[in-house]
Structure formats: structure tokens, C-alpha cells
Amino acid sequence: APGKKFKEVEAGTMEKDAEAREVKLFAREQGRVFVHPRSVNFSCGKYESGWLVYTSLVETSKVYVTECSMIPAYAVLLFGGKPG
């Protein structure tokens, strides 16, 4: 996760979401992947969970995830299959 940044509000400060380009995503077999610009998650700068699932990858100049959703860690634990 990128370093935390804060913004000033009336009652003090609060954490700002990272810029979408600062979030780095990795797939087990492909290595670094990027959220495709047409994805609804393209501008998302923060995911509450560290896990995303995807249904398709597109490789052009980079490897892009076109359809992805954040899932909670418990879903990975219960439904993710055998590790490694």
C-alpha cells in the first residue's frame, strides 16, 4: 500500500485515499497487473481488503485486469482453495 497522506478538515485531519496510479496490484502468475481504464475500479485509490478477484486479463502494452471485485479476507480463507 502507498504511504498514508492526510487532508485537513474542520475537526483536524483525516486520511486521504491514495491516487489510483499509486496502488500496485500483483497476480500470482503474471506479476504486476493494472486495472484497465474501462473498469469501474480504475479510479479506485483504496481497497478495504488486500484481495481482488478477476475474471479476465487483457495483455496489450501492459497486463490489464478488466473485471475485478474486492473480496474480504474471510472469503479467500473459506473459498480460496489450497494455498500454494
C-alpha atoms as a PDB file:
ATOM      1  CA  ALA A   1       0.000   0.000   0.000  1.00  0.00           C
ATOM      2  CA  PRO A   2       1.228   3.510  -0.720  1.00  0.00           C
ATOM      3  CA  GLY A   3       2.285   5.793   2.104  1.00  0.00           C
ATOM      4  CA  LYS A   4      -0.531   7.439   4.027  1.00  0.00           C
ATOM      5  CA  LYS A   5      -1.482  11.012   3.223  1.00  0.00           C
ATOM      6  CA  PHE A   6      -3.761  13.239   5.237  1.00  0.00           C
ATOM      7  CA  LYS A   7      -6.008  16.159   4.451  1.00  0.00           C
ATOM      8  CA  GLU A   8      -7.034  18.945   6.747  1.00  0.00           C
ATOM      9  CA  VAL A   9     -10.670  19.100   7.771  1.00  0.00           C
ATOM     10  CA  GLU A  10     -12.524  21.328  10.205  1.00  0.00           C
ATOM     11  CA  ALA A  11     -12.043  18.972  13.178  1.00  0.00           C
ATOM     12  CA  GLY A  12      -8.387  18.106  12.453  1.00  0.00           C
ATOM     13  CA  THR A  13      -7.133  15.717   9.811  1.00  0.00           C
ATOM     14  CA  MET A  14      -8.307  12.566   8.106  1.00  0.00           C
ATOM     15  CA  GLU A  15      -6.592  10.012   5.903  1.00  0.00           C
ATOM     16  CA  LYS A  16      -6.829  10.611   2.136  1.00  0.00           C
ATOM     17  CA  ASP A  17      -7.317   7.776  -0.296  1.00  0.00           C
ATOM     18  CA  ALA A  18      -4.282   7.117  -2.477  1.00  0.00           C
ATOM     19  CA  GLU A  19      -4.301   8.076  -6.135  1.00  0.00           C
ATOM     20  CA  ALA A  20      -5.322   5.120  -8.299  1.00  0.00           C
ATOM     21  CA  ARG A  21      -1.954   5.131 -10.081  1.00  0.00           C
ATOM     22  CA  GLU A  22      -0.180   4.673  -6.719  1.00  0.00           C
ATOM     23  CA  VAL A  23      -1.957   1.377  -5.969  1.00  0.00           C
ATOM     24  CA  LYS A  24       0.102  -1.612  -7.154  1.00  0.00           C
ATOM     25  CA  LEU A  25      -1.634  -4.892  -7.943  1.00  0.00           C
ATOM     26  CA  PHE A  26       0.001  -8.276  -8.455  1.00  0.00           C
ATOM     27  CA  ALA A  27      -1.309 -11.573  -9.843  1.00  0.00           C
ATOM     28  CA  ARG A  28       0.378 -14.790  -8.812  1.00  0.00           C
ATOM     29  CA  GLU A  29       1.391 -15.928 -12.311  1.00  0.00           C
ATOM     30  CA  GLN A  30       1.510 -12.638 -14.244  1.00  0.00           C
ATOM     31  CA  GLY A  31       3.293 -10.455 -11.703  1.00  0.00           C
ATOM     32  CA  ARG A  32       2.321  -6.782 -11.781  1.00  0.00           C
ATOM     33  CA  VAL A  33      -1.072  -6.053 -13.339  1.00  0.00           C
ATOM     34  CA  PHE A  34      -3.022  -2.847 -13.887  1.00  0.00           C
ATOM     35  CA  VAL A  35      -6.723  -2.064 -13.674  1.00  0.00           C
ATOM     36  CA  HIS A  36      -7.975  -1.344 -17.190  1.00  0.00           C
ATOM     37  CA  PRO A  37      -9.188   2.237 -17.834  1.00  0.00           C
ATOM     38  CA  ARG A  38     -12.679   0.993 -18.805  1.00  0.00           C
ATOM     39  CA  SER A  39     -13.081  -0.818 -15.459  1.00  0.00           C
ATOM     40  CA  VAL A  40     -15.338   0.722 -12.822  1.00  0.00           C
ATOM     41  CA  ASN A  41     -12.459   0.218 -10.360  1.00  0.00           C
ATOM     42  CA  PHE A  42      -9.996   2.214 -12.467  1.00  0.00           C
ATOM     43  CA  SER A  43     -10.202   5.355 -10.329  1.00  0.00           C
ATOM     44  CA  CYS A  44     -10.349   3.494  -7.010  1.00  0.00           C
ATOM     45  CA  GLY A  45      -7.458   4.535  -4.795  1.00  0.00           C
ATOM     46  CA  LYS A  46      -8.268   2.361  -1.800  1.00  0.00           C
ATOM     47  CA  TYR A  47      -9.478  -1.186  -1.280  1.00  0.00           C
ATOM     48  CA  GLU A  48     -10.632  -2.149   2.202  1.00  0.00           C
ATOM     49  CA  SER A  49      -9.273  -5.659   1.676  1.00  0.00           C
ATOM     50  CA  GLY A  50      -5.948  -6.626   0.182  1.00  0.00           C
ATOM     51  CA  TRP A  51      -7.625  -9.153  -2.120  1.00  0.00           C
ATOM     52  CA  LEU A  52      -9.225  -8.716  -5.542  1.00  0.00           C
ATOM     53  CA  VAL A  53     -10.707 -11.393  -7.766  1.00  0.00           C
ATOM     54  CA  TYR A  54     -10.833 -11.007 -11.532  1.00  0.00           C
ATOM     55  CA  THR A  55     -12.463 -12.828 -14.391  1.00  0.00           C
ATOM     56  CA  SER A  56     -10.349 -11.668 -17.306  1.00  0.00           C
ATOM     57  CA  LEU A  57      -6.920 -10.339 -18.174  1.00  0.00           C
ATOM     58  CA  VAL A  58      -6.048  -8.416 -21.321  1.00  0.00           C
ATOM     59  CA  GLU A  59      -2.446  -8.073 -22.433  1.00  0.00           C
ATOM     60  CA  THR A  60      -1.569  -5.112 -24.648  1.00  0.00           C
ATOM     61  CA  SER A  61       1.324  -2.850 -23.697  1.00  0.00           C
ATOM     62  CA  LYS A  62       0.676  -3.979 -20.079  1.00  0.00           C
ATOM     63  CA  VAL A  63      -1.309  -6.753 -18.432  1.00  0.00           C
ATOM     64  CA  TYR A  64      -4.718  -5.318 -17.534  1.00  0.00           C
ATOM     65  CA  VAL A  65      -7.459  -6.645 -15.255  1.00  0.00           C
ATOM     66  CA  THR A  66     -10.768  -5.689 -16.856  1.00  0.00           C
ATOM     67  CA  GLU A  67     -13.325  -7.160 -14.466  1.00  0.00           C
ATOM     68  CA  CYS A  68     -12.408  -7.219 -10.793  1.00  0.00           C
ATOM     69  CA  SER A  69     -14.051  -7.038  -7.386  1.00  0.00           C
ATOM     70  CA  MET A  70     -12.675  -6.627  -3.890  1.00  0.00           C
ATOM     71  CA  ILE A  71     -13.345  -9.548  -1.573  1.00  0.00           C
ATOM     72  CA  PRO A  72     -12.846  -9.852   2.187  1.00  0.00           C
ATOM     73  CA  ALA A  73     -10.014 -11.977   3.557  1.00  0.00           C
ATOM     74  CA  TYR A  74     -12.500 -14.448   5.079  1.00  0.00           C
ATOM     75  CA  ALA A  75     -13.847 -15.263   1.608  1.00  0.00           C
ATOM     76  CA  VAL A  76     -10.314 -16.099   0.471  1.00  0.00           C
ATOM     77  CA  LEU A  77      -9.818 -18.241   3.567  1.00  0.00           C
ATOM     78  CA  LEU A  78     -13.102 -20.130   3.140  1.00  0.00           C
ATOM     79  CA  PHE A  79     -13.359 -20.431  -0.656  1.00  0.00           C
ATOM     80  CA  GLY A  80      -9.837 -19.862  -1.981  1.00  0.00           C
ATOM     81  CA  GLY A  81      -8.772 -23.493  -2.269  1.00  0.00           C
ATOM     82  CA  LYS A  82      -5.449 -24.952  -1.241  1.00  0.00           C
ATOM     83  CA  PRO A  83      -2.568 -22.483  -0.764  1.00  0.00           C
ATOM     84  CA  GLY A  84       0.483 -22.610  -2.995  1.00  0.00           C
END
